[in-house]
Amino acid sequence: MLSAKLGGALAHASSRGKLGGDIEQGMIDRRPMRMIPAFAISLAMVTIAPANAFDGAMLKTLPRGDYHCALPGHAGKAPLKVIQEEGFTIGASSSYSTNEGGGLYLLKGKNFTFTSGPKRGQRFRQTGTHEVQKIESDGSLGRMICSRSGG
């Protein structure tokens, strides 16, 4: 008998409040809220994202250190012609620095681009773990190669 009274009181109490429809000021009515399927959210993200953001290329970083740039020379004379003003140092978190200042870079797959700072807009192709080759404005590979020095 006691359990019947208790059960009736609990049933009455559970039918009241937010879920029972008694919405008071400051309460949130959860009834109209619907779960958005994960598919709809992911579809919205793909629609909003730029077309080239998901082209499958992995974002990476270059090994840290000093990169010296050079043009091929002549076998009979100097084999390389070092271009001091093109050198740069790769730091932490996709950053780089030069004598003129610093900035950021993006290494996406094998495509390396300086995205800010004094070298902004210069593009390279990664040709080795510690080496990048300049890409000319017409999209062809240039002659200049920058290699990491030291260990």
Protein backbone atom coordinates (compact mmCIF):
# COMPACT_ATOMS: atom_id res chain seq x y z
CA MET A 1 0.00 0.00 0.00
CA LEU A 2 2.82 2.39 0.89
CA SER A 3 4.59 1.52 -2.32
CA ALA A 4 1.43 2.23 -4.32
CA LYS A 5 1.13 5.71 -2.74
CA LEU A 6 4.82 6.36 -3.28
CA GLY A 7 4.60 5.15 -6.86
CA GLY A 8 1.61 7.40 -7.51
CA ALA A 9 3.42 10.40 -6.02
CA LEU A 10 6.50 9.75 -8.16
CA ALA A 11 4.37 9.33 -11.28
CA HIS A 12 2.63 12.63 -10.52
CA ALA A 13 5.95 14.44 -9.90
CA SER A 14 7.54 13.07 -13.06
CA SER A 15 4.62 14.31 -15.16
CA ARG A 16 5.28 17.86 -14.02
CA GLY A 17 8.24 20.16 -14.73
CA LYS A 18 9.99 20.77 -18.06
CA LEU A 19 9.29 17.37 -19.54
CA GLY A 20 5.71 17.42 -18.38
CA GLY A 21 5.08 20.72 -20.14
CA ASP A 22 5.31 23.07 -17.16
CA ILE A 23 7.90 25.48 -18.59
CA GLU A 24 8.74 28.35 -16.31
CA GLN A 25 10.94 31.37 -16.90
CA GLY A 26 14.62 30.41 -17.20
CA MET A 27 13.86 26.81 -18.19
CA ILE A 28 14.74 25.40 -21.59
CA ASP A 29 11.99 23.60 -23.48
CA ARG A 30 13.73 20.52 -24.93
CA ARG A 31 10.72 19.18 -26.81
CA PRO A 32 11.27 21.06 -30.10
CA MET A 33 15.00 20.26 -30.09
CA ARG A 34 15.96 17.57 -32.55
CA MET A 35 19.21 15.68 -32.94
CA ILE A 36 20.93 16.64 -36.18
CA PRO A 37 22.34 13.52 -37.77
CA ALA A 38 26.13 13.43 -38.04
CA PHE A 39 25.77 13.03 -41.80
CA ALA A 40 24.00 16.39 -42.09
CA ILE A 41 26.73 18.11 -40.07
CA SER A 42 29.51 16.58 -42.15
CA LEU A 43 27.68 17.49 -45.37
CA ALA A 44 27.40 21.09 -44.18
CA MET A 45 31.13 21.19 -43.37
CA VAL A 46 32.07 19.93 -46.83
CA THR A 47 29.73 22.43 -48.46
CA ILE A 48 31.16 25.37 -46.49
CA ALA A 49 34.84 24.36 -46.84
CA PRO A 50 36.88 25.62 -49.81
CA ALA A 51 37.11 23.21 -52.72
CA ASN A 52 40.85 22.64 -52.32
CA ALA A 53 40.76 22.07 -48.54
CA PHE A 54 40.10 18.34 -48.83
CA ASP A 55 42.18 17.33 -51.84
CA GLY A 56 43.76 14.47 -49.90
CA ALA A 57 47.24 15.97 -49.53
CA MET A 58 48.73 15.60 -46.05
CA LEU A 59 49.86 18.69 -44.18
CA LYS A 60 53.46 18.31 -43.06
CA THR A 61 56.41 20.35 -41.86
CA LEU A 62 59.97 20.54 -43.10
CA PRO A 63 62.82 19.46 -40.82
CA ARG A 64 64.00 22.43 -38.73
CA GLY A 65 67.27 24.07 -39.56
CA ASP A 66 69.10 26.36 -41.99
CA TYR A 67 68.37 25.97 -45.69
CA HIS A 68 70.94 27.28 -48.16
CA CYS A 69 69.89 27.95 -51.71
CA ALA A 70 72.02 27.54 -54.80
CA LEU A 71 71.95 27.37 -58.58
CA PRO A 72 73.85 24.71 -60.49
CA GLY A 73 77.31 25.91 -61.59
CA HIS A 74 79.91 24.45 -63.95
CA ALA A 75 81.78 21.21 -63.40
CA GLY A 76 85.10 22.83 -64.39
CA LYS A 77 84.65 25.78 -62.04
CA ALA A 78 82.35 26.00 -59.02
CA PRO A 79 79.73 23.19 -59.05
CA LEU A 80 77.21 25.41 -57.19
CA LYS A 81 76.50 29.12 -57.09
CA VAL A 82 75.19 29.85 -53.56
CA ILE A 83 72.60 32.64 -53.36
CA GLN A 84 72.89 33.94 -49.78
CA GLU A 85 69.80 36.22 -49.89
CA GLU A 86 67.50 33.27 -50.75
CA GLY A 87 68.43 31.22 -47.65
CA PHE A 88 66.00 30.72 -44.78
CA THR A 89 65.69 28.94 -41.44
CA ILE A 90 62.78 26.61 -40.68
CA GLY A 91 61.54 26.89 -37.09
CA ALA A 92 58.72 25.43 -35.01
CA SER A 93 55.04 25.38 -35.96
CA SER A 94 55.42 25.96 -39.72
CA SER A 95 57.45 29.13 -39.22
CA TYR A 96 60.53 30.40 -41.02
CA SER A 97 62.91 33.32 -40.71
CA THR A 98 65.28 35.23 -42.97
CA ASN A 99 67.52 38.29 -42.52
CA GLU A 100 64.49 40.41 -43.55
CA GLY A 101 62.06 38.90 -41.02
CA GLY A 102 59.91 35.85 -40.49
CA GLY A 103 56.66 34.29 -41.53
CA LEU A 104 54.77 31.06 -42.03
CA TYR A 105 54.81 28.33 -44.66
CA LEU A 106 52.55 25.50 -45.77
CA LEU A 107 53.81 22.07 -46.85
CA LYS A 108 50.89 20.21 -48.40
CA GLY A 109 51.96 16.90 -49.90
CA LYS A 110 55.11 17.85 -51.82
CA ASN A 111 54.02 21.46 -52.47
CA PHE A 112 55.80 24.01 -50.27
CA THR A 113 54.58 27.63 -50.18
CA PHE A 114 55.64 30.61 -48.09
CA THR A 115 52.27 32.04 -46.98
CA SER A 116 53.41 35.15 -45.08
CA GLY A 117 56.50 37.21 -44.38
CA PRO A 118 59.26 38.38 -46.73
CA LYS A 119 59.15 35.28 -48.95
CA ARG A 120 55.34 35.25 -49.22
CA GLY A 121 54.11 33.71 -52.47
CA GLN A 122 57.32 31.84 -53.31
CA ARG A 123 56.54 28.22 -54.17
CA PHE A 124 58.74 25.14 -54.07
CA ARG A 125 58.44 21.41 -54.65
CA GLN A 126 59.87 19.05 -52.02
CA THR A 127 62.37 16.87 -53.87
CA GLY A 128 63.90 15.19 -50.83
CA THR A 129 63.54 15.05 -47.06
CA HIS A 130 65.87 18.04 -46.65
CA GLU A 131 65.54 19.66 -50.08
CA VAL A 132 63.09 21.88 -51.99
CA GLN A 133 63.25 23.11 -55.57
CA LYS A 134 61.82 26.46 -56.68
CA ILE A 135 58.68 26.52 -58.83
CA GLU A 136 58.68 29.29 -61.42
CA SER A 137 55.67 31.56 -62.07
CA ASP A 138 54.67 29.42 -65.08
CA GLY A 139 54.48 26.30 -62.85
CA SER A 140 57.65 24.65 -64.12
CA LEU A 141 60.47 23.56 -61.80
CA GLY A 142 63.18 26.18 -61.59
CA ARG A 143 66.92 25.70 -61.29
CA MET A 144 67.31 26.92 -57.70
CA ILE A 145 67.48 24.21 -55.01
CA CYS A 146 67.46 24.85 -51.26
CA SER A 147 68.97 22.20 -49.01
CA ARG A 148 69.12 21.87 -45.24
CA SER A 149 72.62 22.08 -43.85
CA GLY A 150 73.92 20.40 -40.75
CA GLY A 151 72.56 17.41 -38.82
